[in-house]
Amino acid sequence: MRAVSREMFSGRPGRAFWEEARQVRMGTAGSKRARRFHEILDEEYGLAPAPPPERPRARRPWRFLAGSAVGVLLLSPLVRRAMARRR
């Protein structure tokens, strides 16, 4: 159980869960066994290594390219008309 909980608390979702649920879980344990279970979780939360810093999301150039392509396709008939009127 310790190994699994330490692994869980090494990631952001597990840490976020325990940060939110800790007080409720520790305060509402109905039996000695449940209290000990939550104590072990709390100990492992404290021992688990902090997750690495979040990396910034990679930009997606395909969105820009797709938007540009749509713009060119929509504007090309207008440009052709303008060019035809000049002649």
PDB file of N, CA and C in Angstrom:
ATOM      1  N   MET A   1       0.822  -1.176   0.000  1.00  0.00           N
ATOM      2  CA  MET A   1       0.000   0.000   0.000  1.00  0.00           C
ATOM      3  C   MET A   1       0.879   1.258   0.000  1.00  0.00           C
ATOM      4  N   ARG A   2       1.968   1.212   0.733  1.00  0.00           N
ATOM      5  CA  ARG A   2       2.847   2.381   0.788  1.00  0.00           C
ATOM      6  C   ARG A   2       3.445   2.693  -0.588  1.00  0.00           C
ATOM      7  N   ALA A   3       3.873   1.664  -1.281  1.00  0.00           N
ATOM      8  CA  ALA A   3       4.484   1.885  -2.595  1.00  0.00           C
ATOM      9  C   ALA A   3       3.475   2.473  -3.575  1.00  0.00           C
ATOM     10  N   VAL A   4       2.267   1.961  -3.553  1.00  0.00           N
ATOM     11  CA  VAL A   4       1.228   2.450  -4.467  1.00  0.00           C
ATOM     12  C   VAL A   4       0.863   3.892  -4.131  1.00  0.00           C
ATOM     13  N   SER A   5       0.701   4.179  -2.831  1.00  0.00           N
ATOM     14  CA  SER A   5       0.316   5.542  -2.461  1.00  0.00           C
ATOM     15  C   SER A   5       1.444   6.535  -2.749  1.00  0.00           C
ATOM     16  N   ARG A   6       2.687   6.126  -2.546  1.00  0.00           N
ATOM     17  CA  ARG A   6       3.797   7.031  -2.859  1.00  0.00           C
ATOM     18  C   ARG A   6       3.833   7.319  -4.358  1.00  0.00           C
ATOM     19  N   GLU A   7       3.595   6.291  -5.143  1.00  0.00           N
ATOM     20  CA  GLU A   7       3.540   6.481  -6.598  1.00  0.00           C
ATOM     21  C   GLU A   7       2.396   7.426  -6.968  1.00  0.00           C
ATOM     22  N   MET A   8       1.251   7.232  -6.340  1.00  0.00           N
ATOM     23  CA  MET A   8       0.092   8.085  -6.621  1.00  0.00           C
ATOM     24  C   MET A   8       0.389   9.536  -6.258  1.00  0.00           C
ATOM     25  N   PHE A   9       1.049   9.769  -5.129  1.00  0.00           N
ATOM     26  CA  PHE A   9       1.321  11.121  -4.675  1.00  0.00           C
ATOM     27  C   PHE A   9       2.511  11.759  -5.378  1.00  0.00           C
ATOM     28  N   SER A  10       3.185  11.024  -6.240  1.00  0.00           N
ATOM     29  CA  SER A  10       4.284  11.584  -7.018  1.00  0.00           C
ATOM     30  C   SER A  10       3.785  12.363  -8.226  1.00  0.00           C
ATOM     31  N   GLY A  11       2.513  12.195  -8.556  1.00  0.00           N
ATOM     32  CA  GLY A  11       1.930  12.896  -9.700  1.00  0.00           C
ATOM     33  C   GLY A  11       1.001  14.010  -9.247  1.00  0.00           C
ATOM     34  N   ARG A  12       0.743  14.923 -10.148  1.00  0.00           N
ATOM     35  CA  ARG A  12      -0.123  16.062  -9.831  1.00  0.00           C
ATOM     36  C   ARG A  12      -1.545  15.676  -9.436  1.00  0.00           C
ATOM     37  N   PRO A  13      -2.209  14.757 -10.149  1.00  0.00           N
ATOM     38  CA  PRO A  13      -3.585  14.420  -9.766  1.00  0.00           C
ATOM     39  C   PRO A  13      -3.692  13.837  -8.360  1.00  0.00           C
ATOM     40  N   GLY A  14      -2.771  12.945  -7.992  1.00  0.00           N
ATOM     41  CA  GLY A  14      -2.799  12.346  -6.661  1.00  0.00           C
ATOM     42  C   GLY A  14      -2.549  13.365  -5.565  1.00  0.00           C
ATOM     43  N   ARG A  15      -1.606  14.262  -5.804  1.00  0.00           N
ATOM     44  CA  ARG A  15      -1.318  15.304  -4.810  1.00  0.00           C
ATOM     45  C   ARG A  15      -2.502  16.251  -4.668  1.00  0.00           C
ATOM     46  N   ALA A  16      -3.098  16.617  -5.796  1.00  0.00           N
ATOM     47  CA  ALA A  16      -4.257  17.521  -5.746  1.00  0.00           C
ATOM     48  C   ALA A  16      -5.407  16.867  -4.989  1.00  0.00           C
ATOM     49  N   PHE A  17      -5.628  15.567  -5.230  1.00  0.00           N
ATOM     50  CA  PHE A  17      -6.685  14.853  -4.524  1.00  0.00           C
ATOM     51  C   PHE A  17      -6.461  14.904  -3.015  1.00  0.00           C
ATOM     52  N   TRP A  18      -5.236  14.560  -2.573  1.00  0.00           N
ATOM     53  CA  TRP A  18      -4.993  14.484  -1.128  1.00  0.00           C
ATOM     54  C   TRP A  18      -5.039  15.871  -0.492  1.00  0.00           C
ATOM     55  N   GLU A  19      -4.591  16.883  -1.197  1.00  0.00           N
ATOM     56  CA  GLU A  19      -4.669  18.240  -0.660  1.00  0.00           C
ATOM     57  C   GLU A  19      -6.118  18.647  -0.402  1.00  0.00           C
ATOM     58  N   GLU A  20      -7.018  18.226  -1.279  1.00  0.00           N
ATOM     59  CA  GLU A  20      -8.440  18.550  -1.120  1.00  0.00           C
ATOM     60  C   GLU A  20      -9.131  17.642  -0.094  1.00  0.00           C
ATOM     61  N   ALA A  21      -8.787  16.367  -0.098  1.00  0.00           N
ATOM     62  CA  ALA A  21      -9.525  15.381   0.705  1.00  0.00           C
ATOM     63  C   ALA A  21      -8.918  15.116   2.076  1.00  0.00           C
ATOM     64  N   ARG A  22      -7.713  15.550   2.305  1.00  0.00           N
ATOM     65  CA  ARG A  22      -6.987  15.184   3.523  1.00  0.00           C
ATOM     66  C   ARG A  22      -7.768  15.498   4.796  1.00  0.00           C
ATOM     67  N   GLN A  23      -8.183  16.711   4.970  1.00  0.00           N
ATOM     68  CA  GLN A  23      -8.860  17.108   6.209  1.00  0.00           C
ATOM     69  C   GLN A  23     -10.129  16.296   6.450  1.00  0.00           C
ATOM     70  N   VAL A  24     -10.912  16.117   5.405  1.00  0.00           N
ATOM     71  CA  VAL A  24     -12.157  15.347   5.544  1.00  0.00           C
ATOM     72  C   VAL A  24     -11.856  13.899   5.880  1.00  0.00           C
ATOM     73  N   ARG A  25     -10.933  13.305   5.140  1.00  0.00           N
ATOM     74  CA  ARG A  25     -10.592  11.892   5.365  1.00  0.00           C
ATOM     75  C   ARG A  25     -10.038  11.659   6.763  1.00  0.00           C
ATOM     76  N   MET A  26      -9.138  12.535   7.194  1.00  0.00           N
ATOM     77  CA  MET A  26      -8.517  12.359   8.505  1.00  0.00           C
ATOM     78  C   MET A  26      -9.540  12.591   9.625  1.00  0.00           C
ATOM     79  N   GLY A  27     -10.470  13.483   9.399  1.00  0.00           N
ATOM     80  CA  GLY A  27     -11.430  13.822  10.446  1.00  0.00           C
ATOM     81  C   GLY A  27     -12.638  12.919  10.534  1.00  0.00           C
ATOM     82  N   THR A  28     -12.918  12.167   9.490  1.00  0.00           N
ATOM     83  CA  THR A  28     -14.146  11.359   9.491  1.00  0.00           C
ATOM     84  C   THR A  28     -13.889   9.858   9.512  1.00  0.00           C
ATOM     85  N   ALA A  29     -12.657   9.448   9.752  1.00  0.00           N
ATOM     86  CA  ALA A  29     -12.364   8.015   9.818  1.00  0.00           C
ATOM     87  C   ALA A  29     -13.160   7.402  10.969  1.00  0.00           C
ATOM     88  N   GLY A  30     -13.976   6.398  10.652  1.00  0.00           N
ATOM     89  CA  GLY A  30     -14.889   5.836  11.637  1.00  0.00           C
ATOM     90  C   GLY A  30     -14.313   4.776  12.555  1.00  0.00           C
ATOM     91  N   SER A  31     -13.200   4.217  12.205  1.00  0.00           N
ATOM     92  CA  SER A  31     -12.628   3.150  13.029  1.00  0.00           C
ATOM     93  C   SER A  31     -11.125   3.352  13.164  1.00  0.00           C
ATOM     94  N   LYS A  32     -10.549   2.615  14.066  1.00  0.00           N
ATOM     95  CA  LYS A  32      -9.105   2.692  14.276  1.00  0.00           C
ATOM     96  C   LYS A  32      -8.366   2.265  13.005  1.00  0.00           C
ATOM     97  N   ARG A  33      -8.897   1.266  12.354  1.00  0.00           N
ATOM     98  CA  ARG A  33      -8.300   0.764  11.111  1.00  0.00           C
ATOM     99  C   ARG A  33      -8.344   1.832  10.017  1.00  0.00           C
ATOM    100  N   ALA A  34      -9.486   2.513   9.893  1.00  0.00           N
ATOM    101  CA  ALA A  34      -9.616   3.579   8.894  1.00  0.00           C
ATOM    102  C   ALA A  34      -8.693   4.746   9.215  1.00  0.00           C
ATOM    103  N   ARG A  35      -8.581   5.101  10.501  1.00  0.00           N
ATOM    104  CA  ARG A  35      -7.666   6.174  10.899  1.00  0.00           C
ATOM    105  C   ARG A  35      -6.229   5.826  10.522  1.00  0.00           C
ATOM    106  N   ARG A  36      -5.843   4.594  10.787  1.00  0.00           N
ATOM    107  CA  ARG A  36      -4.475   4.173  10.460  1.00  0.00           C
ATOM    108  C   ARG A  36      -4.244   4.201   8.952  1.00  0.00           C
ATOM    109  N   PHE A  37      -5.228   3.778   8.196  1.00  0.00           N
ATOM    110  CA  PHE A  37      -5.145   3.807   6.737  1.00  0.00           C
ATOM    111  C   PHE A  37      -4.861   5.234   6.259  1.00  0.00           C
ATOM    112  N   HIS A  38      -5.617   6.186   6.772  1.00  0.00           N
ATOM    113  CA  HIS A  38      -5.439   7.571   6.355  1.00  0.00           C
ATOM    114  C   HIS A  38      -4.127   8.163   6.878  1.00  0.00           C
ATOM    115  N   GLU A  39      -3.683   7.723   8.034  1.00  0.00           N
ATOM    116  CA  GLU A  39      -2.388   8.166   8.542  1.00  0.00           C
ATOM    117  C   GLU A  39      -1.260   7.705   7.618  1.00  0.00           C
ATOM    118  N   ILE A  40      -1.353   6.463   7.167  1.00  0.00           N
ATOM    119  CA  ILE A  40      -0.345   5.933   6.243  1.00  0.00           C
ATOM    120  C   ILE A  40      -0.349   6.736   4.946  1.00  0.00           C
ATOM    121  N   LEU A  41      -1.540   7.022   4.431  1.00  0.00           N
ATOM    122  CA  LEU A  41      -1.618   7.843   3.212  1.00  0.00           C
ATOM    123  C   LEU A  41      -0.970   9.199   3.436  1.00  0.00           C
ATOM    124  N   ASP A  42      -1.243   9.808   4.591  1.00  0.00           N
ATOM    125  CA  ASP A  42      -0.685  11.120   4.881  1.00  0.00           C
ATOM    126  C   ASP A  42       0.839  11.063   5.007  1.00  0.00           C
ATOM    127  N   GLU A  43       1.352  10.004   5.626  1.00  0.00           N
ATOM    128  CA  GLU A  43       2.801   9.835   5.737  1.00  0.00           C
ATOM    129  C   GLU A  43       3.437   9.727   4.354  1.00  0.00           C
ATOM    130  N   GLU A  44       2.827   8.933   3.507  1.00  0.00           N
ATOM    131  CA  GLU A  44       3.377   8.732   2.159  1.00  0.00           C
ATOM    132  C   GLU A  44       3.258   9.991   1.310  1.00  0.00           C
ATOM    133  N   TYR A  45       2.229  10.766   1.533  1.00  0.00           N
ATOM    134  CA  TYR A  45       2.096  12.046   0.837  1.00  0.00           C
ATOM    135  C   TYR A  45       3.302  12.925   1.180  1.00  0.00           C
ATOM    136  N   GLY A  46       3.665  12.938   2.452  1.00  0.00           N
ATOM    137  CA  GLY A  46       4.810  13.738   2.879  1.00  0.00           C
ATOM    138  C   GLY A  46       6.135  13.227   2.356  1.00  0.00           C
ATOM    139  N   LEU A  47       6.241  11.922   2.128  1.00  0.00           N
ATOM    140  CA  LEU A  47       7.500  11.317   1.671  1.00  0.00           C
ATOM    141  C   LEU A  47       7.641  11.286   0.144  1.00  0.00           C
ATOM    142  N   ALA A  48       6.542  11.387  -0.546  1.00  0.00           N
ATOM    143  CA  ALA A  48       6.575  11.272  -2.014  1.00  0.00           C
ATOM    144  C   ALA A  48       7.324  12.451  -2.616  1.00  0.00           C
ATOM    145  N   PRO A  49       8.124  12.184  -3.639  1.00  0.00           N
ATOM    146  CA  PRO A  49       8.821  13.302  -4.294  1.00  0.00           C
ATOM    147  C   PRO A  49       7.824  14.192  -5.017  1.00  0.00           C
ATOM    148  N   ALA A  50       8.116  15.466  -5.006  1.00  0.00           N
ATOM    149  CA  ALA A  50       7.234  16.416  -5.704  1.00  0.00           C
ATOM    150  C   ALA A  50       7.305  16.151  -7.204  1.00  0.00           C
ATOM    151  N   PRO A  51       6.199  16.325  -7.901  1.00  0.00           N
ATOM    152  CA  PRO A  51       6.224  16.114  -9.347  1.00  0.00           C
ATOM    153  C   PRO A  51       7.096  17.157 -10.036  1.00  0.00           C
ATOM    154  N   PRO A  52       7.640  16.823 -11.197  1.00  0.00           N
ATOM    155  CA  PRO A  52       8.476  17.792 -11.912  1.00  0.00           C
ATOM    156  C   PRO A  52       7.643  18.994 -12.339  1.00  0.00           C
ATOM    157  N   PRO A  53       8.289  20.131 -12.557  1.00  0.00           N
ATOM    158  CA  PRO A  53       7.524  21.303 -12.991  1.00  0.00           C
ATOM    159  C   PRO A  53       6.843  21.046 -14.329  1.00  0.00           C
ATOM    160  N   GLU A  54       5.710  21.681 -14.485  1.00  0.00           N
ATOM    161  CA  GLU A  54       4.944  21.493 -15.713  1.00  0.00           C
ATOM    162  C   GLU A  54       5.671  22.150 -16.883  1.00  0.00           C
ATOM    163  N   ARG A  55       5.723  21.435 -17.993  1.00  0.00           N
ATOM    164  CA  ARG A  55       6.337  21.995 -19.191  1.00  0.00           C
ATOM    165  C   ARG A  55       5.287  22.803 -19.935  1.00  0.00           C
ATOM    166  N   PRO A  56       5.712  23.889 -20.562  1.00  0.00           N
ATOM    167  CA  PRO A  56       4.733  24.653 -21.354  1.00  0.00           C
ATOM    168  C   PRO A  56       4.280  23.813 -22.538  1.00  0.00           C
ATOM    169  N   ARG A  57       3.045  23.985 -22.891  1.00  0.00           N
ATOM    170  CA  ARG A  57       2.509  23.222 -24.028  1.00  0.00           C
ATOM    171  C   ARG A  57       3.157  23.677 -25.321  1.00  0.00           C
ATOM    172  N   ALA A  58       3.386  22.708 -26.174  1.00  0.00           N
ATOM    173  CA  ALA A  58       3.971  23.018 -27.476  1.00  0.00           C
ATOM    174  C   ALA A  58       2.924  23.725 -28.336  1.00  0.00           C
ATOM    175  N   ARG A  59       3.375  24.705 -29.053  1.00  0.00           N
ATOM    176  CA  ARG A  59       2.458  25.400 -29.958  1.00  0.00           C
ATOM    177  C   ARG A  59       2.151  24.487 -31.128  1.00  0.00           C
ATOM    178  N   ARG A  60       1.005  24.645 -31.652  1.00  0.00           N
ATOM    179  CA  ARG A  60       0.586  23.803 -32.775  1.00  0.00           C
ATOM    180  C   ARG A  60       0.535  24.651 -34.048  1.00  0.00           C
ATOM    181  N   PRO A  61       1.591  24.602 -34.828  1.00  0.00           N
ATOM    182  CA  PRO A  61       1.628  25.460 -36.021  1.00  0.00           C
ATOM    183  C   PRO A  61       0.588  25.067 -37.063  1.00  0.00           C
ATOM    184  N   TRP A  62       0.074  23.853 -36.987  1.00  0.00           N
ATOM    185  CA  TRP A  62      -0.905  23.440 -37.989  1.00  0.00           C
ATOM    186  C   TRP A  62      -2.168  24.275 -37.893  1.00  0.00           C
ATOM    187  N   ARG A  63      -2.503  24.771 -36.719  1.00  0.00           N
ATOM    188  CA  ARG A  63      -3.691  25.633 -36.593  1.00  0.00           C
ATOM    189  C   ARG A  63      -3.488  26.920 -37.379  1.00  0.00           C
ATOM    190  N   PHE A  64      -2.322  27.494 -37.238  1.00  0.00           N
ATOM    191  CA  PHE A  64      -2.013  28.719 -37.980  1.00  0.00           C
ATOM    192  C   PHE A  64      -2.034  28.456 -39.475  1.00  0.00           C
ATOM    193  N   LEU A  65      -1.415  27.342 -39.873  1.00  0.00           N
ATOM    194  CA  LEU A  65      -1.374  27.008 -41.301  1.00  0.00           C
ATOM    195  C   LEU A  65      -2.763  26.737 -41.856  1.00  0.00           C
ATOM    196  N   ALA A  66      -3.583  26.032 -41.098  1.00  0.00           N
ATOM    197  CA  ALA A  66      -4.944  25.743 -41.559  1.00  0.00           C
ATOM    198  C   ALA A  66      -5.753  27.035 -41.674  1.00  0.00           C
ATOM    199  N   GLY A  67      -5.619  27.918 -40.701  1.00  0.00           N
ATOM    200  CA  GLY A  67      -6.320  29.200 -40.759  1.00  0.00           C
ATOM    201  C   GLY A  67      -5.874  30.036 -41.937  1.00  0.00           C
ATOM    202  N   SER A  68      -4.573  30.017 -42.205  1.00  0.00           N
ATOM    203  CA  SER A  68      -4.048  30.760 -43.351  1.00  0.00           C
ATOM    204  C   SER A  68      -4.568  30.190 -44.658  1.00  0.00           C
ATOM    205  N   ALA A  69      -4.602  28.877 -44.767  1.00  0.00           N
ATOM    206  CA  ALA A  69      -5.095  28.240 -45.989  1.00  0.00           C
ATOM    207  C   ALA A  69      -6.557  28.574 -46.227  1.00  0.00           C
ATOM    208  N   VAL A  70      -7.366  28.543 -45.188  1.00  0.00           N
ATOM    209  CA  VAL A  70      -8.784  28.882 -45.326  1.00  0.00           C
ATOM    210  C   VAL A  70      -8.923  30.339 -45.751  1.00  0.00           C
ATOM    211  N   GLY A  71      -8.124  31.217 -45.154  1.00  0.00           N
ATOM    212  CA  GLY A  71      -8.174  32.633 -45.521  1.00  0.00           C
ATOM    213  C   GLY A  71      -7.826  32.853 -46.973  1.00  0.00           C
ATOM    214  N   VAL A  72      -6.792  32.182 -47.452  1.00  0.00           N
ATOM    215  CA  VAL A  72      -6.396  32.312 -48.860  1.00  0.00           C
ATOM    216  C   VAL A  72      -7.506  31.813 -49.771  1.00  0.00           C
ATOM    217  N   LEU A  73      -8.105  30.685 -49.428  1.00  0.00           N
ATOM    218  CA  LEU A  73      -9.172  30.138 -50.260  1.00  0.00           C
ATOM    219  C   LEU A  73     -10.386  31.062 -50.310  1.00  0.00           C
ATOM    220  N   LEU A  74     -10.697  31.687 -49.194  1.00  0.00           N
ATOM    221  CA  LEU A  74     -11.843  32.589 -49.162  1.00  0.00           C
ATOM    222  C   LEU A  74     -11.569  33.919 -49.856  1.00  0.00           C
ATOM    223  N   LEU A  75     -10.354  34.402 -49.796  1.00  0.00           N
ATOM    224  CA  LEU A  75     -10.020  35.696 -50.388  1.00  0.00           C
ATOM    225  C   LEU A  75      -9.624  35.621 -51.857  1.00  0.00           C
ATOM    226  N   SER A  76      -9.250  34.456 -52.333  1.00  0.00           N
ATOM    227  CA  SER A  76      -8.780  34.353 -53.716  1.00  0.00           C
ATOM    228  C   SER A  76      -9.826  34.794 -54.746  1.00  0.00           C
ATOM    229  N   PRO A  77     -11.120  34.483 -54.617  1.00  0.00           N
ATOM    230  CA  PRO A  77     -12.081  34.988 -55.609  1.00  0.00           C
ATOM    231  C   PRO A  77     -12.159  36.526 -55.609  1.00  0.00           C
ATOM    232  N   LEU A  78     -12.044  37.142 -54.453  1.00  0.00           N
ATOM    233  CA  LEU A  78     -12.094  38.603 -54.382  1.00  0.00           C
ATOM    234  C   LEU A  78     -10.870  39.223 -55.043  1.00  0.00           C
ATOM    235  N   VAL A  79      -9.720  38.620 -54.830  1.00  0.00           N
ATOM    236  CA  VAL A  79      -8.485  39.131 -55.439  1.00  0.00           C
ATOM    237  C   VAL A  79      -8.555  38.968 -56.959  1.00  0.00           C
ATOM    238  N   ARG A  80      -9.069  37.858 -57.421  1.00  0.00           N
ATOM    239  CA  ARG A  80      -9.196  37.640 -58.884  1.00  0.00           C
ATOM    240  C   ARG A  80     -10.103  38.690 -59.517  1.00  0.00           C
ATOM    241  N   ARG A  81     -11.231  38.986 -58.889  1.00  0.00           N
ATOM    242  CA  ARG A  81     -12.153  40.003 -59.404  1.00  0.00           C
ATOM    243  C   ARG A  81     -11.492  41.374 -59.455  1.00  0.00           C
ATOM    244  N   ALA A  82     -10.766  41.698 -58.417  1.00  0.00           N
ATOM    245  CA  ALA A  82     -10.103  42.997 -58.383  1.00  0.00           C
ATOM    246  C   ALA A  82      -9.047  43.083 -59.469  1.00  0.00           C
ATOM    247  N   MET A  83      -8.334  42.004 -59.687  1.00  0.00           N
ATOM    248  CA  MET A  83      -7.314  41.992 -60.717  1.00  0.00           C
ATOM    249  C   MET A  83      -7.953  42.063 -62.102  1.00  0.00           C
ATOM    250  N   ALA A  84      -9.091  41.409 -62.313  1.00  0.00           N
ATOM    251  CA  ALA A  84      -9.771  41.415 -63.599  1.00  0.00           C
ATOM    252  C   ALA A  84     -10.322  42.811 -63.907  1.00  0.00           C
ATOM    253  N   ARG A  85     -10.762  43.543 -62.928  1.00  0.00           N
ATOM    254  CA  ARG A  85     -11.296  44.896 -63.136  1.00  0.00           C
ATOM    255  C   ARG A  85     -10.210  45.877 -63.508  1.00  0.00           C
ATOM    256  N   ARG A  86      -9.005  45.632 -63.073  1.00  0.00           N
ATOM    257  CA  ARG A  86      -7.891  46.538 -63.385  1.00  0.00           C
ATOM    258  C   ARG A  86      -7.493  46.465 -64.848  1.00  0.00           C
ATOM    259  N   ARG A  87      -7.712  45.375 -65.487  1.00  0.00           N
ATOM    260  CA  ARG A  87      -7.267  45.169 -66.892  1.00  0.00           C
ATOM    261  C   ARG A  87      -8.158  45.843 -67.843  1.00  0.00           C
TER     262      ARG A  87
END
